[in-house]
């Protein structure tokens, strides 16, 4: 059996530039806005989620950050790792995805 491998041309410098981790969905990056409780603000400032992170609002209660990212498994896992200290403000599709996962977690503990 004769098989050959053909490497696709890709921009290796920027391939993962708009993603956390290695899971790419084929989707384009989206503007993501997260509201993070003040108790986690210094952590998020000192350890940005991604290099595209910008602080767009800061109050005594929380900070809001904006990211330009592909929505993938690693992003969802990162948001979930902040537990109840974070809320997805935009996009609504990501907020719904996080809510669905959180409801699934709660359901496992109610059984």
C-alpha atoms as a PDB file:
ATOM      1  CA  UNK A   1       0.000   0.000   0.000  1.00  0.00           C
ATOM      2  CA  UNK A   2       1.469   3.323  -1.080  1.00  0.00           C
ATOM      3  CA  UNK A   3       0.406   6.312   0.982  1.00  0.00           C
ATOM      4  CA  UNK A   4       1.925   9.733   1.123  1.00  0.00           C
ATOM      5  CA  UNK A   5       1.684  12.582   3.555  1.00  0.00           C
ATOM      6  CA  UNK A   6       1.098  16.097   2.314  1.00  0.00           C
ATOM      7  CA  UNK A   7       1.642  18.880   4.856  1.00  0.00           C
ATOM      8  CA  UNK A   8      -0.837  21.726   4.510  1.00  0.00           C
ATOM      9  CA  UNK A   9       0.463  25.253   4.343  1.00  0.00           C
ATOM     10  CA  UNK A  10      -0.458  27.228   7.431  1.00  0.00           C
ATOM     11  CA  UNK A  11       0.675  30.292   9.271  1.00  0.00           C
ATOM     12  CA  UNK A  12       2.459  28.541  12.121  1.00  0.00           C
ATOM     13  CA  UNK A  13       3.313  31.867  13.786  1.00  0.00           C
ATOM     14  CA  UNK A  14      -0.334  32.872  14.239  1.00  0.00           C
ATOM     15  CA  UNK A  15      -2.179  29.559  14.137  1.00  0.00           C
ATOM     16  CA  UNK A  16      -2.924  29.521  17.865  1.00  0.00           C
ATOM     17  CA  UNK A  17      -2.790  33.278  18.359  1.00  0.00           C
ATOM     18  CA  UNK A  18      -6.545  33.578  18.915  1.00  0.00           C
ATOM     19  CA  UNK A  19      -7.017  30.531  21.113  1.00  0.00           C
ATOM     20  CA  UNK A  20      -6.272  29.173  24.540  1.00  0.00           C
ATOM     21  CA  UNK A  21      -4.804  25.690  24.315  1.00  0.00           C
ATOM     22  CA  UNK A  22      -4.779  23.599  21.172  1.00  0.00           C
ATOM     23  CA  UNK A  23      -8.448  22.928  20.404  1.00  0.00           C
ATOM     24  CA  UNK A  24      -9.475  24.945  17.391  1.00  0.00           C
ATOM     25  CA  UNK A  25     -13.047  24.787  16.219  1.00  0.00           C
ATOM     26  CA  UNK A  26     -12.688  26.385  12.812  1.00  0.00           C
ATOM     27  CA  UNK A  27     -14.688  29.328  14.085  1.00  0.00           C
ATOM     28  CA  UNK A  28     -13.474  32.917  13.990  1.00  0.00           C
ATOM     29  CA  UNK A  29     -12.397  34.723  17.161  1.00  0.00           C
ATOM     30  CA  UNK A  30     -15.164  36.505  19.031  1.00  0.00           C
ATOM     31  CA  UNK A  31     -15.256  39.411  21.431  1.00  0.00           C
ATOM     32  CA  UNK A  32     -15.732  37.903  24.886  1.00  0.00           C
ATOM     33  CA  UNK A  33     -16.547  40.003  27.945  1.00  0.00           C
ATOM     34  CA  UNK A  34     -16.187  38.512  31.410  1.00  0.00           C
ATOM     35  CA  UNK A  35     -17.131  40.096  34.719  1.00  0.00           C
ATOM     36  CA  UNK A  36     -14.769  38.905  37.441  1.00  0.00           C
ATOM     37  CA  UNK A  37     -15.394  39.427  41.166  1.00  0.00           C
ATOM     38  CA  UNK A  38     -13.012  41.796  42.918  1.00  0.00           C
ATOM     39  CA  UNK A  39     -11.607  38.897  44.970  1.00  0.00           C
ATOM     40  CA  UNK A  40     -10.068  37.532  41.748  1.00  0.00           C
ATOM     41  CA  UNK A  41      -9.227  40.885  40.124  1.00  0.00           C
ATOM     42  CA  UNK A  42      -5.561  41.012  41.127  1.00  0.00           C
ATOM     43  CA  UNK A  43      -5.047  37.436  39.962  1.00  0.00           C
ATOM     44  CA  UNK A  44      -6.635  38.138  36.559  1.00  0.00           C
ATOM     45  CA  UNK A  45      -4.574  41.321  36.203  1.00  0.00           C
ATOM     46  CA  UNK A  46      -1.285  39.616  37.084  1.00  0.00           C
ATOM     47  CA  UNK A  47      -2.031  36.358  35.205  1.00  0.00           C
ATOM     48  CA  UNK A  48      -4.026  37.337  32.113  1.00  0.00           C
ATOM     49  CA  UNK A  49      -6.205  34.667  30.566  1.00  0.00           C
ATOM     50  CA  UNK A  50      -4.834  35.580  27.122  1.00  0.00           C
ATOM     51  CA  UNK A  51      -2.576  38.222  25.600  1.00  0.00           C
ATOM     52  CA  UNK A  52      -5.631  39.928  24.037  1.00  0.00           C
ATOM     53  CA  UNK A  53      -7.056  40.657  27.518  1.00  0.00           C
ATOM     54  CA  UNK A  54      -8.049  44.262  28.210  1.00  0.00           C
ATOM     55  CA  UNK A  55      -9.684  45.687  31.307  1.00  0.00           C
ATOM     56  CA  UNK A  56     -12.765  47.576  30.129  1.00  0.00           C
ATOM     57  CA  UNK A  57     -14.337  48.448  33.485  1.00  0.00           C
ATOM     58  CA  UNK A  58     -13.294  48.359  37.112  1.00  0.00           C
ATOM     59  CA  UNK A  59     -15.454  48.942  40.195  1.00  0.00           C
ATOM     60  CA  UNK A  60     -15.158  48.040  43.874  1.00  0.00           C
ATOM     61  CA  UNK A  61     -17.172  44.870  43.233  1.00  0.00           C
ATOM     62  CA  UNK A  62     -15.673  43.551  39.985  1.00  0.00           C
ATOM     63  CA  UNK A  63     -13.603  44.085  36.877  1.00  0.00           C
ATOM     64  CA  UNK A  64     -14.797  43.492  33.341  1.00  0.00           C
ATOM     65  CA  UNK A  65     -12.302  42.157  30.844  1.00  0.00           C
ATOM     66  CA  UNK A  66     -12.502  41.791  27.102  1.00  0.00           C
ATOM     67  CA  UNK A  67     -10.807  39.022  25.120  1.00  0.00           C
ATOM     68  CA  UNK A  68     -10.671  38.226  21.415  1.00  0.00           C
ATOM     69  CA  UNK A  69     -10.701  34.443  21.261  1.00  0.00           C
ATOM     70  CA  UNK A  70     -12.030  31.383  19.535  1.00  0.00           C
ATOM     71  CA  UNK A  71     -14.543  29.700  21.823  1.00  0.00           C
ATOM     72  CA  UNK A  72     -13.100  26.253  22.481  1.00  0.00           C
ATOM     73  CA  UNK A  73     -12.873  23.609  25.191  1.00  0.00           C
ATOM     74  CA  UNK A  74      -9.900  25.245  26.931  1.00  0.00           C
ATOM     75  CA  UNK A  75     -11.614  28.640  27.140  1.00  0.00           C
ATOM     76  CA  UNK A  76     -14.720  27.064  28.657  1.00  0.00           C
ATOM     77  CA  UNK A  77     -12.548  25.133  31.147  1.00  0.00           C
ATOM     78  CA  UNK A  78     -10.688  28.325  32.090  1.00  0.00           C
ATOM     79  CA  UNK A  79     -13.937  30.190  32.733  1.00  0.00           C
ATOM     80  CA  UNK A  80     -15.325  27.281  34.759  1.00  0.00           C
ATOM     81  CA  UNK A  81     -12.122  27.196  36.831  1.00  0.00           C
ATOM     82  CA  UNK A  82     -13.100  30.598  38.250  1.00  0.00           C
ATOM     83  CA  UNK A  83     -16.334  29.100  39.582  1.00  0.00           C
ATOM     84  CA  UNK A  84     -18.848  31.577  40.911  1.00  0.00           C
ATOM     85  CA  UNK A  85     -16.321  34.421  40.716  1.00  0.00           C
ATOM     86  CA  UNK A  86     -16.960  35.015  36.998  1.00  0.00           C
ATOM     87  CA  UNK A  87     -19.916  35.787  34.750  1.00  0.00           C
ATOM     88  CA  UNK A  88     -19.889  35.761  30.946  1.00  0.00           C
ATOM     89  CA  UNK A  89     -21.449  39.007  29.710  1.00  0.00           C
ATOM     90  CA  UNK A  90     -20.803  38.448  25.979  1.00  0.00           C
ATOM     91  CA  UNK A  91     -21.453  36.569  23.765  1.00  0.00           C
ATOM     92  CA  UNK A  92     -24.787  35.093  24.810  1.00  0.00           C
ATOM     93  CA  UNK A  93     -23.892  31.749  23.205  1.00  0.00           C
ATOM     94  CA  UNK A  94     -20.892  31.356  25.512  1.00  0.00           C
ATOM     95  CA  UNK A  95     -22.916  32.443  28.563  1.00  0.00           C
ATOM     96  CA  UNK A  96     -25.505  29.777  27.694  1.00  0.00           C
ATOM     97  CA  UNK A  97     -22.805  27.123  27.279  1.00  0.00           C
ATOM     98  CA  UNK A  98     -21.307  27.920  30.697  1.00  0.00           C
ATOM     99  CA  UNK A  99     -24.784  27.935  32.287  1.00  0.00           C
ATOM    100  CA  UNK A 100     -25.597  24.539  30.765  1.00  0.00           C
ATOM    101  CA  UNK A 101     -22.374  23.012  32.107  1.00  0.00           C
ATOM    102  CA  UNK A 102     -22.976  24.558  35.549  1.00  0.00           C
ATOM    103  CA  UNK A 103     -26.526  23.163  35.638  1.00  0.00           C
ATOM    104  CA  UNK A 104     -25.119  19.747  34.743  1.00  0.00           C
ATOM    105  CA  UNK A 105     -22.667  19.973  37.630  1.00  0.00           C
ATOM    106  CA  UNK A 106     -25.437  20.909  40.074  1.00  0.00           C
ATOM    107  CA  UNK A 107     -27.617  18.042  38.774  1.00  0.00           C
ATOM    108  CA  UNK A 108     -24.895  15.506  39.566  1.00  0.00           C
ATOM    109  CA  UNK A 109     -24.860  16.600  43.209  1.00  0.00           C
ATOM    110  CA  UNK A 110     -28.641  16.634  43.587  1.00  0.00           C
ATOM    111  CA  UNK A 111     -28.988  12.914  42.833  1.00  0.00           C
END
